[in-house]
C-alpha cells in the first residue's frame, strides 16, 4: 500500500504540514485524517507544504475543499504552498484555485494576511 510522508511543524499561530508523495484514491483518507488531527485553533492557519507532492487526483481535491471548510468553521484558515504543476493544473481546471489560498512558498503562506487569496 502506498503511503504519504506527512510531517507537522508547529509555529506560533500556525501549523505546517509537509505532504510527500502522490495524493490519490488510496492516500486521500490518510491526508484527511492527518489534517483533522493537526487542525489549529481559532484564528490560526494551517499551511500545507505541497512542494513534494507531484500528483493529486480528485480525491485529494475533495480533501482540500473539506479541510478549507473545516478550518473556516473553526475560525482558522487553510493555505497551500509550493504547488507543483500537475496539482496546480487540477485546481485551475476545476476552479478551485479561485477559492483556496495558494502561495508560492511556505514563508509567503505564513506571512500573508489571513484572508489573502494567494501570493
PDB file of N, CA and C in Angstrom:
ATOM      1  N   UNK A   1       0.840  -1.186   0.000  1.00  0.00           N
ATOM      2  CA  UNK A   1       0.000   0.000   0.000  1.00  0.00           C
ATOM      3  C   UNK A   1       0.883   1.246   0.000  1.00  0.00           C
ATOM      4  N   UNK A   2       0.578   2.173  -0.869  1.00  0.00           N
ATOM      5  CA  UNK A   2       1.308   3.427  -0.940  1.00  0.00           C
ATOM      6  C   UNK A   2       0.867   4.327   0.206  1.00  0.00           C
ATOM      7  N   UNK A   3       1.841   4.905   0.871  1.00  0.00           N
ATOM      8  CA  UNK A   3       1.536   5.818   1.975  1.00  0.00           C
ATOM      9  C   UNK A   3       2.196   7.159   1.694  1.00  0.00           C
ATOM     10  N   UNK A   4       1.605   8.196   2.239  1.00  0.00           N
ATOM     11  CA  UNK A   4       2.187   9.525   2.157  1.00  0.00           C
ATOM     12  C   UNK A   4       3.216   9.703   3.261  1.00  0.00           C
ATOM     13  N   UNK A   5       4.163  10.582   3.030  1.00  0.00           N
ATOM     14  CA  UNK A   5       5.087  11.004   4.069  1.00  0.00           C
ATOM     15  C   UNK A   5       4.558  12.348   4.574  1.00  0.00           C
ATOM     16  N   UNK A   6       4.042  12.365   5.802  1.00  0.00           N
ATOM     17  CA  UNK A   6       3.416  13.558   6.368  1.00  0.00           C
ATOM     18  C   UNK A   6       4.129  13.944   7.654  1.00  0.00           C
ATOM     19  N   UNK A   7       4.527  15.211   7.737  1.00  0.00           N
ATOM     20  CA  UNK A   7       5.152  15.717   8.957  1.00  0.00           C
ATOM     21  C   UNK A   7       4.522  17.054   9.316  1.00  0.00           C
ATOM     22  N   UNK A   8       4.499  17.347  10.610  1.00  0.00           N
ATOM     23  CA  UNK A   8       3.919  18.605  11.087  1.00  0.00           C
ATOM     24  C   UNK A   8       4.983  19.416  11.801  1.00  0.00           C
ATOM     25  N   UNK A   9       4.965  20.703  11.538  1.00  0.00           N
ATOM     26  CA  UNK A   9       5.822  21.653  12.247  1.00  0.00           C
ATOM     27  C   UNK A   9       4.902  22.690  12.871  1.00  0.00           C
ATOM     28  N   UNK A  10       5.003  22.851  14.181  1.00  0.00           N
ATOM     29  CA  UNK A  10       4.145  23.798  14.906  1.00  0.00           C
ATOM     30  C   UNK A  10       4.895  25.108  15.094  1.00  0.00           C
ATOM     31  N   UNK A  11       4.246  26.209  14.738  1.00  0.00           N
ATOM     32  CA  UNK A  11       4.793  27.555  14.887  1.00  0.00           C
ATOM     33  C   UNK A  11       3.780  28.403  15.639  1.00  0.00           C
ATOM     34  N   UNK A  12       4.190  29.537  16.180  1.00  0.00           N
ATOM     35  CA  UNK A  12       3.209  30.409  16.834  1.00  0.00           C
ATOM     36  C   UNK A  12       2.120  30.837  15.835  1.00  0.00           C
ATOM     37  N   UNK A  13       0.895  30.481  16.114  1.00  0.00           N
ATOM     38  CA  UNK A  13      -0.231  30.876  15.269  1.00  0.00           C
ATOM     39  C   UNK A  13      -0.427  30.050  14.014  1.00  0.00           C
ATOM     40  N   UNK A  14       0.372  28.997  13.836  1.00  0.00           N
ATOM     41  CA  UNK A  14       0.258  28.212  12.603  1.00  0.00           C
ATOM     42  C   UNK A  14       0.820  26.810  12.791  1.00  0.00           C
ATOM     43  N   UNK A  15       0.341  25.919  11.937  1.00  0.00           N
ATOM     44  CA  UNK A  15       0.926  24.587  11.789  1.00  0.00           C
ATOM     45  C   UNK A  15       1.242  24.405  10.316  1.00  0.00           C
ATOM     46  N   UNK A  16       2.361  23.760  10.026  1.00  0.00           N
ATOM     47  CA  UNK A  16       2.750  23.468   8.649  1.00  0.00           C
ATOM     48  C   UNK A  16       2.812  21.953   8.497  1.00  0.00           C
ATOM     49  N   UNK A  17       2.042  21.435   7.557  1.00  0.00           N
ATOM     50  CA  UNK A  17       2.095  20.008   7.235  1.00  0.00           C
ATOM     51  C   UNK A  17       2.811  19.868   5.899  1.00  0.00           C
ATOM     52  N   UNK A  18       3.916  19.131   5.901  1.00  0.00           N
ATOM     53  CA  UNK A  18       4.622  18.816   4.663  1.00  0.00           C
ATOM     54  C   UNK A  18       4.042  17.514   4.122  1.00  0.00           C
ATOM     55  N   UNK A  19       3.618  17.555   2.863  1.00  0.00           N
ATOM     56  CA  UNK A  19       2.998  16.399   2.211  1.00  0.00           C
ATOM     57  C   UNK A  19       3.979  15.856   1.180  1.00  0.00           C
ATOM     58  N   UNK A  20       4.414  14.623   1.371  1.00  0.00           N
ATOM     59  CA  UNK A  20       5.319  13.980   0.430  1.00  0.00           C
ATOM     60  C   UNK A  20       4.649  12.775  -0.201  1.00  0.00           C
ATOM     61  N   UNK A  21       4.616  12.738  -1.517  1.00  0.00           N
ATOM     62  CA  UNK A  21       4.010  11.617  -2.229  1.00  0.00           C
ATOM     63  C   UNK A  21       2.781  12.037  -3.006  1.00  0.00           C
ATOM     64  N   UNK A  22       2.167  11.072  -3.665  1.00  0.00           N
ATOM     65  CA  UNK A  22       1.002  11.320  -4.512  1.00  0.00           C
ATOM     66  C   UNK A  22      -0.287  11.157  -3.716  1.00  0.00           C
ATOM     67  N   UNK A  23      -1.187  12.121  -3.870  1.00  0.00           N
ATOM     68  CA  UNK A  23      -2.488  12.048  -3.196  1.00  0.00           C
ATOM     69  C   UNK A  23      -3.504  11.543  -4.216  1.00  0.00           C
ATOM     70  N   UNK A  24      -3.996  10.335  -3.959  1.00  0.00           N
ATOM     71  CA  UNK A  24      -4.932   9.695  -4.880  1.00  0.00           C
ATOM     72  C   UNK A  24      -6.011   8.980  -4.072  1.00  0.00           C
ATOM     73  N   UNK A  25      -6.755   8.102  -4.709  1.00  0.00           N
ATOM     74  CA  UNK A  25      -7.845   7.396  -4.025  1.00  0.00           C
ATOM     75  C   UNK A  25      -7.341   6.545  -2.862  1.00  0.00           C
ATOM     76  N   UNK A  26      -6.116   6.083  -2.932  1.00  0.00           N
ATOM     77  CA  UNK A  26      -5.552   5.241  -1.878  1.00  0.00           C
ATOM     78  C   UNK A  26      -5.067   6.073  -0.690  1.00  0.00           C
ATOM     79  N   UNK A  27      -4.506   7.251  -0.949  1.00  0.00           N
ATOM     80  CA  UNK A  27      -3.856   8.031   0.113  1.00  0.00           C
ATOM     81  C   UNK A  27      -4.662   9.225   0.613  1.00  0.00           C
ATOM     82  N   UNK A  28      -5.748   9.568  -0.044  1.00  0.00           N
ATOM     83  CA  UNK A  28      -6.510  10.768   0.332  1.00  0.00           C
ATOM     84  C   UNK A  28      -7.030  10.697   1.768  1.00  0.00           C
ATOM     85  N   UNK A  29      -7.523   9.539   2.185  1.00  0.00           N
ATOM     86  CA  UNK A  29      -8.039   9.418   3.556  1.00  0.00           C
ATOM     87  C   UNK A  29      -6.935   9.605   4.588  1.00  0.00           C
ATOM     88  N   UNK A  30      -5.734   9.130   4.277  1.00  0.00           N
ATOM     89  CA  UNK A  30      -4.597   9.322   5.176  1.00  0.00           C
ATOM     90  C   UNK A  30      -4.329  10.818   5.367  1.00  0.00           C
ATOM     91  N   UNK A  31      -4.342  11.577   4.269  1.00  0.00           N
ATOM     92  CA  UNK A  31      -4.122  13.015   4.358  1.00  0.00           C
ATOM     93  C   UNK A  31      -5.242  13.689   5.137  1.00  0.00           C
ATOM     94  N   UNK A  32      -6.479  13.317   4.855  1.00  0.00           N
ATOM     95  CA  UNK A  32      -7.608  13.933   5.557  1.00  0.00           C
ATOM     96  C   UNK A  32      -7.532  13.679   7.065  1.00  0.00           C
ATOM     97  N   UNK A  33      -7.233  12.461   7.463  1.00  0.00           N
ATOM     98  CA  UNK A  33      -7.108  12.140   8.887  1.00  0.00           C
ATOM     99  C   UNK A  33      -5.984  12.938   9.535  1.00  0.00           C
ATOM    100  N   UNK A  34      -4.877  13.079   8.831  1.00  0.00           N
ATOM    101  CA  UNK A  34      -3.730  13.817   9.366  1.00  0.00           C
ATOM    102  C   UNK A  34      -4.082  15.293   9.548  1.00  0.00           C
ATOM    103  N   UNK A  35      -4.770  15.867   8.560  1.00  0.00           N
ATOM    104  CA  UNK A  35      -5.180  17.272   8.652  1.00  0.00           C
ATOM    105  C   UNK A  35      -6.133  17.464   9.827  1.00  0.00           C
ATOM    106  N   UNK A  36      -7.099  16.585   9.972  1.00  0.00           N
ATOM    107  CA  UNK A  36      -8.048  16.698  11.092  1.00  0.00           C
ATOM    108  C   UNK A  36      -7.322  16.657  12.434  1.00  0.00           C
ATOM    109  N   UNK A  37      -6.285  15.850  12.535  1.00  0.00           N
ATOM    110  CA  UNK A  37      -5.527  15.752  13.773  1.00  0.00           C
ATOM    111  C   UNK A  37      -4.635  16.946  14.047  1.00  0.00           C
ATOM    112  N   UNK A  38      -4.342  17.717  13.015  1.00  0.00           N
ATOM    113  CA  UNK A  38      -3.430  18.854  13.155  1.00  0.00           C
ATOM    114  C   UNK A  38      -4.135  20.201  13.104  1.00  0.00           C
ATOM    115  N   UNK A  39      -5.460  20.203  13.074  1.00  0.00           N
ATOM    116  CA  UNK A  39      -6.194  21.465  12.937  1.00  0.00           C
ATOM    117  C   UNK A  39      -5.789  22.452  14.026  1.00  0.00           C
ATOM    118  N   UNK A  40      -5.394  23.643  13.621  1.00  0.00           N
ATOM    119  CA  UNK A  40      -5.018  24.659  14.599  1.00  0.00           C
ATOM    120  C   UNK A  40      -6.245  25.263  15.270  1.00  0.00           C
ATOM    121  N   UNK A  41      -6.011  26.099  16.248  1.00  0.00           N
ATOM    122  CA  UNK A  41      -7.104  26.752  16.956  1.00  0.00           C
ATOM    123  C   UNK A  41      -7.690  27.909  16.174  1.00  0.00           C
ATOM    124  N   UNK A  42      -8.696  28.520  16.764  1.00  0.00           N
ATOM    125  CA  UNK A  42      -9.377  29.658  16.134  1.00  0.00           C
ATOM    126  C   UNK A  42      -8.371  30.764  15.834  1.00  0.00           C
ATOM    127  N   UNK A  43      -8.498  31.351  14.652  1.00  0.00           N
ATOM    128  CA  UNK A  43      -7.635  32.448  14.253  1.00  0.00           C
ATOM    129  C   UNK A  43      -6.254  32.014  13.788  1.00  0.00           C
ATOM    130  N   UNK A  44      -5.997  30.718  13.784  1.00  0.00           N
ATOM    131  CA  UNK A  44      -4.695  30.224  13.338  1.00  0.00           C
ATOM    132  C   UNK A  44      -4.793  29.688  11.915  1.00  0.00           C
ATOM    133  N   UNK A  45      -3.649  29.487  11.322  1.00  0.00           N
ATOM    134  CA  UNK A  45      -3.620  28.978   9.948  1.00  0.00           C
ATOM    135  C   UNK A  45      -2.965  27.608   9.885  1.00  0.00           C
ATOM    136  N   UNK A  46      -3.415  26.838   8.924  1.00  0.00           N
ATOM    137  CA  UNK A  46      -2.791  25.561   8.604  1.00  0.00           C
ATOM    138  C   UNK A  46      -2.222  25.705   7.203  1.00  0.00           C
ATOM    139  N   UNK A  47      -0.922  25.513   7.082  1.00  0.00           N
ATOM    140  CA  UNK A  47      -0.244  25.603   5.795  1.00  0.00           C
ATOM    141  C   UNK A  47       0.102  24.192   5.342  1.00  0.00           C
ATOM    142  N   UNK A  48      -0.315  23.857   4.141  1.00  0.00           N
ATOM    143  CA  UNK A  48       0.086  22.585   3.541  1.00  0.00           C
ATOM    144  C   UNK A  48       1.234  22.866   2.587  1.00  0.00           C
ATOM    145  N   UNK A  49       2.407  22.333   2.913  1.00  0.00           N
ATOM    146  CA  UNK A  49       3.578  22.446   2.046  1.00  0.00           C
ATOM    147  C   UNK A  49       3.487  21.312   1.033  1.00  0.00           C
ATOM    148  N   UNK A  50       3.137  21.654  -0.197  1.00  0.00           N
ATOM    149  CA  UNK A  50       2.885  20.659  -1.241  1.00  0.00           C
ATOM    150  C   UNK A  50       4.048  20.535  -2.219  1.00  0.00           C
ATOM    151  N   UNK A  51       5.200  21.061  -1.853  1.00  0.00           N
ATOM    152  CA  UNK A  51       6.350  21.068  -2.759  1.00  0.00           C
ATOM    153  C   UNK A  51       6.878  19.665  -3.073  1.00  0.00           C
ATOM    154  N   UNK A  52       6.533  18.672  -2.257  1.00  0.00           N
ATOM    155  CA  UNK A  52       6.956  17.288  -2.506  1.00  0.00           C
ATOM    156  C   UNK A  52       5.775  16.398  -2.898  1.00  0.00           C
ATOM    157  N   UNK A  53       4.706  17.023  -3.387  1.00  0.00           N
ATOM    158  CA  UNK A  53       3.523  16.294  -3.849  1.00  0.00           C
ATOM    159  C   UNK A  53       3.425  16.474  -5.368  1.00  0.00           C
ATOM    160  N   UNK A  54       3.942  15.513  -6.150  1.00  0.00           N
ATOM    161  CA  UNK A  54       3.974  15.688  -7.599  1.00  0.00           C
ATOM    162  C   UNK A  54       2.636  15.473  -8.300  1.00  0.00           C
ATOM    163  N   UNK A  55       1.695  14.808  -7.628  1.00  0.00           N
ATOM    164  CA  UNK A  55       0.431  14.445  -8.279  1.00  0.00           C
ATOM    165  C   UNK A  55      -0.693  14.463  -7.259  1.00  0.00           C
ATOM    166  N   UNK A  56      -1.858  14.921  -7.706  1.00  0.00           N
ATOM    167  CA  UNK A  56      -3.056  14.861  -6.872  1.00  0.00           C
ATOM    168  C   UNK A  56      -4.243  14.526  -7.766  1.00  0.00           C
ATOM    169  N   UNK A  57      -4.972  13.483  -7.411  1.00  0.00           N
ATOM    170  CA  UNK A  57      -6.190  13.099  -8.122  1.00  0.00           C
ATOM    171  C   UNK A  57      -7.391  13.763  -7.449  1.00  0.00           C
ATOM    172  N   UNK A  58      -8.567  13.561  -8.009  1.00  0.00           N
ATOM    173  CA  UNK A  58      -9.769  14.220  -7.491  1.00  0.00           C
ATOM    174  C   UNK A  58     -10.065  13.920  -6.022  1.00  0.00           C
ATOM    175  N   UNK A  59      -9.746  12.745  -5.474  1.00  0.00           N
ATOM    176  CA  UNK A  59      -9.964  12.564  -4.031  1.00  0.00           C
ATOM    177  C   UNK A  59      -9.134  13.538  -3.183  1.00  0.00           C
ATOM    178  N   UNK A  60      -7.971  13.910  -3.671  1.00  0.00           N
ATOM    179  CA  UNK A  60      -7.157  14.907  -2.975  1.00  0.00           C
ATOM    180  C   UNK A  60      -7.807  16.275  -3.014  1.00  0.00           C
ATOM    181  N   UNK A  61      -8.432  16.588  -4.120  1.00  0.00           N
ATOM    182  CA  UNK A  61      -9.161  17.849  -4.243  1.00  0.00           C
ATOM    183  C   UNK A  61     -10.286  17.906  -3.217  1.00  0.00           C
ATOM    184  N   UNK A  62     -10.985  16.794  -3.046  1.00  0.00           N
ATOM    185  CA  UNK A  62     -12.045  16.723  -2.035  1.00  0.00           C
ATOM    186  C   UNK A  62     -11.477  16.991  -0.647  1.00  0.00           C
ATOM    187  N   UNK A  63     -10.314  16.427  -0.351  1.00  0.00           N
ATOM    188  CA  UNK A  63      -9.688  16.633   0.958  1.00  0.00           C
ATOM    189  C   UNK A  63      -9.390  18.114   1.177  1.00  0.00           C
ATOM    190  N   UNK A  64      -8.859  18.792   0.171  1.00  0.00           N
ATOM    191  CA  UNK A  64      -8.532  20.215   0.316  1.00  0.00           C
ATOM    192  C   UNK A  64      -9.782  21.060   0.537  1.00  0.00           C
ATOM    193  N   UNK A  65     -10.834  20.785  -0.207  1.00  0.00           N
ATOM    194  CA  UNK A  65     -12.082  21.543  -0.058  1.00  0.00           C
ATOM    195  C   UNK A  65     -12.692  21.293   1.317  1.00  0.00           C
ATOM    196  N   UNK A  66     -12.683  20.040   1.760  1.00  0.00           N
ATOM    197  CA  UNK A  66     -13.206  19.696   3.086  1.00  0.00           C
ATOM    198  C   UNK A  66     -12.384  20.358   4.182  1.00  0.00           C
ATOM    199  N   UNK A  67     -11.063  20.317   4.049  1.00  0.00           N
ATOM    200  CA  UNK A  67     -10.181  20.930   5.050  1.00  0.00           C
ATOM    201  C   UNK A  67     -10.393  22.436   5.116  1.00  0.00           C
ATOM    202  N   UNK A  68     -10.558  23.072   3.968  1.00  0.00           N
ATOM    203  CA  UNK A  68     -10.794  24.516   3.947  1.00  0.00           C
ATOM    204  C   UNK A  68     -12.075  24.858   4.698  1.00  0.00           C
ATOM    205  N   UNK A  69     -13.142  24.106   4.452  1.00  0.00           N
ATOM    206  CA  UNK A  69     -14.418  24.348   5.140  1.00  0.00           C
ATOM    207  C   UNK A  69     -14.295  24.081   6.637  1.00  0.00           C
ATOM    208  N   UNK A  70     -13.625  23.008   7.002  1.00  0.00           N
ATOM    209  CA  UNK A  70     -13.427  22.658   8.409  1.00  0.00           C
ATOM    210  C   UNK A  70     -12.680  23.766   9.149  1.00  0.00           C
ATOM    211  N   UNK A  71     -11.621  24.260   8.538  1.00  0.00           N
ATOM    212  CA  UNK A  71     -10.827  25.312   9.179  1.00  0.00           C
ATOM    213  C   UNK A  71     -11.595  26.628   9.260  1.00  0.00           C
ATOM    214  N   UNK A  72     -12.311  26.973   8.203  1.00  0.00           N
ATOM    215  CA  UNK A  72     -13.118  28.205   8.243  1.00  0.00           C
ATOM    216  C   UNK A  72     -14.160  28.128   9.359  1.00  0.00           C
ATOM    217  N   UNK A  73     -14.817  26.978   9.484  1.00  0.00           N
ATOM    218  CA  UNK A  73     -15.826  26.798  10.534  1.00  0.00           C
ATOM    219  C   UNK A  73     -15.217  26.919  11.924  1.00  0.00           C
ATOM    220  N   UNK A  74     -13.945  26.551  12.061  1.00  0.00           N
ATOM    221  CA  UNK A  74     -13.257  26.609  13.355  1.00  0.00           C
ATOM    222  C   UNK A  74     -12.579  27.957  13.591  1.00  0.00           C
ATOM    223  N   UNK A  75     -12.745  28.891  12.645  1.00  0.00           N
ATOM    224  CA  UNK A  75     -12.136  30.211  12.788  1.00  0.00           C
ATOM    225  C   UNK A  75     -10.690  30.271  12.346  1.00  0.00           C
ATOM    226  N   UNK A  76     -10.229  29.236  11.656  1.00  0.00           N
ATOM    227  CA  UNK A  76      -8.861  29.215  11.145  1.00  0.00           C
ATOM    228  C   UNK A  76      -8.854  29.395   9.641  1.00  0.00           C
ATOM    229  N   UNK A  77      -7.718  29.108   9.020  1.00  0.00           N
ATOM    230  CA  UNK A  77      -7.632  29.233   7.567  1.00  0.00           C
ATOM    231  C   UNK A  77      -6.636  28.225   7.011  1.00  0.00           C
ATOM    232  N   UNK A  78      -6.917  27.747   5.808  1.00  0.00           N
ATOM    233  CA  UNK A  78      -6.053  26.810   5.101  1.00  0.00           C
ATOM    234  C   UNK A  78      -5.280  27.576   4.042  1.00  0.00           C
ATOM    235  N   UNK A  79      -3.979  27.317   3.980  1.00  0.00           N
ATOM    236  CA  UNK A  79      -3.110  27.940   2.979  1.00  0.00           C
ATOM    237  C   UNK A  79      -2.291  26.842   2.315  1.00  0.00           C
ATOM    238  N   UNK A  80      -2.234  26.855   0.989  1.00  0.00           N
ATOM    239  CA  UNK A  80      -1.464  25.877   0.225  1.00  0.00           C
ATOM    240  C   UNK A  80      -0.194  26.544  -0.273  1.00  0.00           C
ATOM    241  N   UNK A  81       0.927  25.836  -0.189  1.00  0.00           N
ATOM    242  CA  UNK A  81       2.206  26.424  -0.590  1.00  0.00           C
ATOM    243  C   UNK A  81       3.017  25.438  -1.418  1.00  0.00           C
ATOM    244  N   UNK A  82       3.819  25.988  -2.335  1.00  0.00           N
ATOM    245  CA  UNK A  82       4.738  25.164  -3.108  1.00  0.00           C
ATOM    246  C   UNK A  82       4.072  24.217  -4.080  1.00  0.00           C
ATOM    247  N   UNK A  83       2.943  24.613  -4.614  1.00  0.00           N
ATOM    248  CA  UNK A  83       2.168  23.760  -5.516  1.00  0.00           C
ATOM    249  C   UNK A  83       2.975  23.429  -6.772  1.00  0.00           C
ATOM    250  N   UNK A  84       3.039  22.150  -7.111  1.00  0.00           N
ATOM    251  CA  UNK A  84       3.734  21.704  -8.316  1.00  0.00           C
ATOM    252  C   UNK A  84       2.769  21.757  -9.501  1.00  0.00           C
ATOM    253  N   UNK A  85       3.308  21.659 -10.742  1.00  0.00           N
ATOM    254  CA  UNK A  85       2.474  21.893 -11.929  1.00  0.00           C
ATOM    255  C   UNK A  85       1.234  21.004 -12.064  1.00  0.00           C
ATOM    256  N   UNK A  86       1.343  19.700 -11.867  1.00  0.00           N
ATOM    257  CA  UNK A  86       0.175  18.827 -12.083  1.00  0.00           C
ATOM    258  C   UNK A  86      -0.948  19.109 -11.085  1.00  0.00           C
ATOM    259  N   UNK A  87      -0.677  19.184  -9.776  1.00  0.00           N
ATOM    260  CA  UNK A  87      -1.756  19.537  -8.847  1.00  0.00           C
ATOM    261  C   UNK A  87      -2.295  20.950  -9.090  1.00  0.00           C
ATOM    262  N   UNK A  88      -1.408  21.876  -9.452  1.00  0.00           N
ATOM    263  CA  UNK A  88      -1.854  23.245  -9.728  1.00  0.00           C
ATOM    264  C   UNK A  88      -2.827  23.258 -10.902  1.00  0.00           C
ATOM    265  N   UNK A  89      -2.555  22.455 -11.903  1.00  0.00           N
ATOM    266  CA  UNK A  89      -3.435  22.376 -13.074  1.00  0.00           C
ATOM    267  C   UNK A  89      -4.808  21.830 -12.688  1.00  0.00           C
ATOM    268  N   UNK A  90      -4.846  20.818 -11.808  1.00  0.00           N
ATOM    269  CA  UNK A  90      -6.125  20.275 -11.343  1.00  0.00           C
ATOM    270  C   UNK A  90      -6.943  21.365 -10.649  1.00  0.00           C
ATOM    271  N   UNK A  91      -6.299  22.140  -9.794  1.00  0.00           N
ATOM    272  CA  UNK A  91      -7.012  23.220  -9.105  1.00  0.00           C
ATOM    273  C   UNK A  91      -7.487  24.281 -10.095  1.00  0.00           C
ATOM    274  N   UNK A  92      -6.665  24.551 -11.104  1.00  0.00           N
ATOM    275  CA  UNK A  92      -7.017  25.557 -12.104  1.00  0.00           C
ATOM    276  C   UNK A  92      -8.223  25.132 -12.937  1.00  0.00           C
ATOM    277  N   UNK A  93      -8.211  23.901 -13.462  1.00  0.00           N
ATOM    278  CA  UNK A  93      -9.294  23.485 -14.365  1.00  0.00           C
ATOM    279  C   UNK A  93     -10.610  23.242 -13.630  1.00  0.00           C
ATOM    280  N   UNK A  94     -10.549  23.002 -12.328  1.00  0.00           N
ATOM    281  CA  UNK A  94     -11.777  22.802 -11.555  1.00  0.00           C
ATOM    282  C   UNK A  94     -12.297  24.102 -10.947  1.00  0.00           C
ATOM    283  N   UNK A  95     -11.535  25.180 -11.081  1.00  0.00           N
ATOM    284  CA  UNK A  95     -11.938  26.456 -10.495  1.00  0.00           C
ATOM    285  C   UNK A  95     -11.623  26.572  -9.018  1.00  0.00           C
ATOM    286  N   UNK A  96     -11.061  25.535  -8.445  1.00  0.00           N
ATOM    287  CA  UNK A  96     -10.750  25.536  -7.017  1.00  0.00           C
ATOM    288  C   UNK A  96      -9.644  26.522  -6.688  1.00  0.00           C
ATOM    289  N   UNK A  97      -8.767  26.791  -7.644  1.00  0.00           N
ATOM    290  CA  UNK A  97      -7.682  27.752  -7.415  1.00  0.00           C
ATOM    291  C   UNK A  97      -8.225  29.140  -7.107  1.00  0.00           C
ATOM    292  N   UNK A  98      -9.450  29.410  -7.531  1.00  0.00           N
ATOM    293  CA  UNK A  98     -10.051  30.725  -7.282  1.00  0.00           C
ATOM    294  C   UNK A  98     -10.579  30.877  -5.864  1.00  0.00           C
ATOM    295  N   UNK A  99     -10.759  29.784  -5.144  1.00  0.00           N
ATOM    296  CA  UNK A  99     -11.345  29.868  -3.801  1.00  0.00           C
ATOM    297  C   UNK A  99     -10.388  29.460  -2.686  1.00  0.00           C
ATOM    298  N   UNK A 100      -9.340  28.714  -3.010  1.00  0.00           N
ATOM    299  CA  UNK A 100      -8.366  28.328  -1.991  1.00  0.00           C
ATOM    300  C   UNK A 100      -7.227  29.343  -1.955  1.00  0.00           C
ATOM    301  N   UNK A 101      -6.587  29.456  -0.815  1.00  0.00           N
ATOM    302  CA  UNK A 101      -5.454  30.369  -0.649  1.00  0.00           C
ATOM    303  C   UNK A 101      -4.188  29.634  -1.081  1.00  0.00           C
ATOM    304  N   UNK A 102      -3.619  30.049  -2.205  1.00  0.00           N
ATOM    305  CA  UNK A 102      -2.450  29.384  -2.772  1.00  0.00           C
ATOM    306  C   UNK A 102      -1.294  30.377  -2.790  1.00  0.00           C
ATOM    307  N   UNK A 103      -0.142  29.930  -2.290  1.00  0.00           N
ATOM    308  CA  UNK A 103       1.039  30.782  -2.177  1.00  0.00           C
ATOM    309  C   UNK A 103       2.232  30.079  -2.811  1.00  0.00           C
ATOM    310  N   UNK A 104       3.188  30.866  -3.262  1.00  0.00           N
ATOM    311  CA  UNK A 104       4.376  30.308  -3.904  1.00  0.00           C
ATOM    312  C   UNK A 104       5.229  29.504  -2.931  1.00  0.00           C
ATOM    313  N   UNK A 105       5.355  29.984  -1.700  1.00  0.00           N
ATOM    314  CA  UNK A 105       6.225  29.328  -0.721  1.00  0.00           C
ATOM    315  C   UNK A 105       5.538  29.251   0.640  1.00  0.00           C
ATOM    316  N   UNK A 106       6.086  28.426   1.507  1.00  0.00           N
ATOM    317  CA  UNK A 106       5.589  28.335   2.881  1.00  0.00           C
ATOM    318  C   UNK A 106       5.764  29.679   3.579  1.00  0.00           C
ATOM    319  N   UNK A 107       6.902  30.338   3.369  1.00  0.00           N
ATOM    320  CA  UNK A 107       7.120  31.647   4.001  1.00  0.00           C
ATOM    321  C   UNK A 107       6.044  32.648   3.597  1.00  0.00           C
ATOM    322  N   UNK A 108       5.679  32.675   2.324  1.00  0.00           N
ATOM    323  CA  UNK A 108       4.598  33.569   1.875  1.00  0.00           C
ATOM    324  C   UNK A 108       3.281  33.199   2.545  1.00  0.00           C
ATOM    325  N   UNK A 109       3.011  31.912   2.656  1.00  0.00           N
ATOM    326  CA  UNK A 109       1.764  31.453   3.283  1.00  0.00           C
ATOM    327  C   UNK A 109       1.709  31.838   4.753  1.00  0.00           C
ATOM    328  N   UNK A 110       2.854  31.817   5.415  1.00  0.00           N
ATOM    329  CA  UNK A 110       2.896  32.146   6.846  1.00  0.00           C
ATOM    330  C   UNK A 110       2.774  33.636   7.115  1.00  0.00           C
ATOM    331  N   UNK A 111       3.181  34.457   6.161  1.00  0.00           N
ATOM    332  CA  UNK A 111       3.171  35.905   6.389  1.00  0.00           C
ATOM    333  C   UNK A 111       2.021  36.628   5.700  1.00  0.00           C
ATOM    334  N   UNK A 112       1.281  35.939   4.848  1.00  0.00           N
ATOM    335  CA  UNK A 112       0.152  36.570   4.151  1.00  0.00           C
ATOM    336  C   UNK A 112      -0.966  36.870   5.139  1.00  0.00           C
ATOM    337  N   UNK A 113      -1.727  37.929   4.880  1.00  0.00           N
ATOM    338  CA  UNK A 113      -2.910  38.172   5.717  1.00  0.00           C
ATOM    339  C   UNK A 113      -3.812  36.942   5.698  1.00  0.00           C
ATOM    340  N   UNK A 114      -4.520  36.700   6.791  1.00  0.00           N
ATOM    341  CA  UNK A 114      -5.355  35.501   6.892  1.00  0.00           C
ATOM    342  C   UNK A 114      -6.384  35.396   5.782  1.00  0.00           C
ATOM    343  N   UNK A 115      -6.839  36.517   5.259  1.00  0.00           N
ATOM    344  CA  UNK A 115      -7.851  36.472   4.201  1.00  0.00           C
ATOM    345  C   UNK A 115      -7.243  36.603   2.805  1.00  0.00           C
ATOM    346  N   UNK A 116      -5.910  36.547   2.709  1.00  0.00           N
ATOM    347  CA  UNK A 116      -5.247  36.715   1.413  1.00  0.00           C
ATOM    348  C   UNK A 116      -5.589  35.564   0.480  1.00  0.00           C
ATOM    349  N   UNK A 117      -5.853  35.891  -0.760  1.00  0.00           N
ATOM    350  CA  UNK A 117      -6.184  34.894  -1.778  1.00  0.00           C
ATOM    351  C   UNK A 117      -4.949  34.672  -2.647  1.00  0.00           C
ATOM    352  N   UNK A 118      -3.941  34.024  -2.099  1.00  0.00           N
ATOM    353  CA  UNK A 118      -2.733  33.704  -2.853  1.00  0.00           C
ATOM    354  C   UNK A 118      -1.723  34.818  -2.855  1.00  0.00           C
ATOM    355  N   UNK A 119      -0.491  34.463  -3.169  1.00  0.00           N
ATOM    356  CA  UNK A 119       0.599  35.439  -3.235  1.00  0.00           C
ATOM    357  C   UNK A 119       1.724  34.880  -4.068  1.00  0.00           C
TER     358      UNK A 119
END
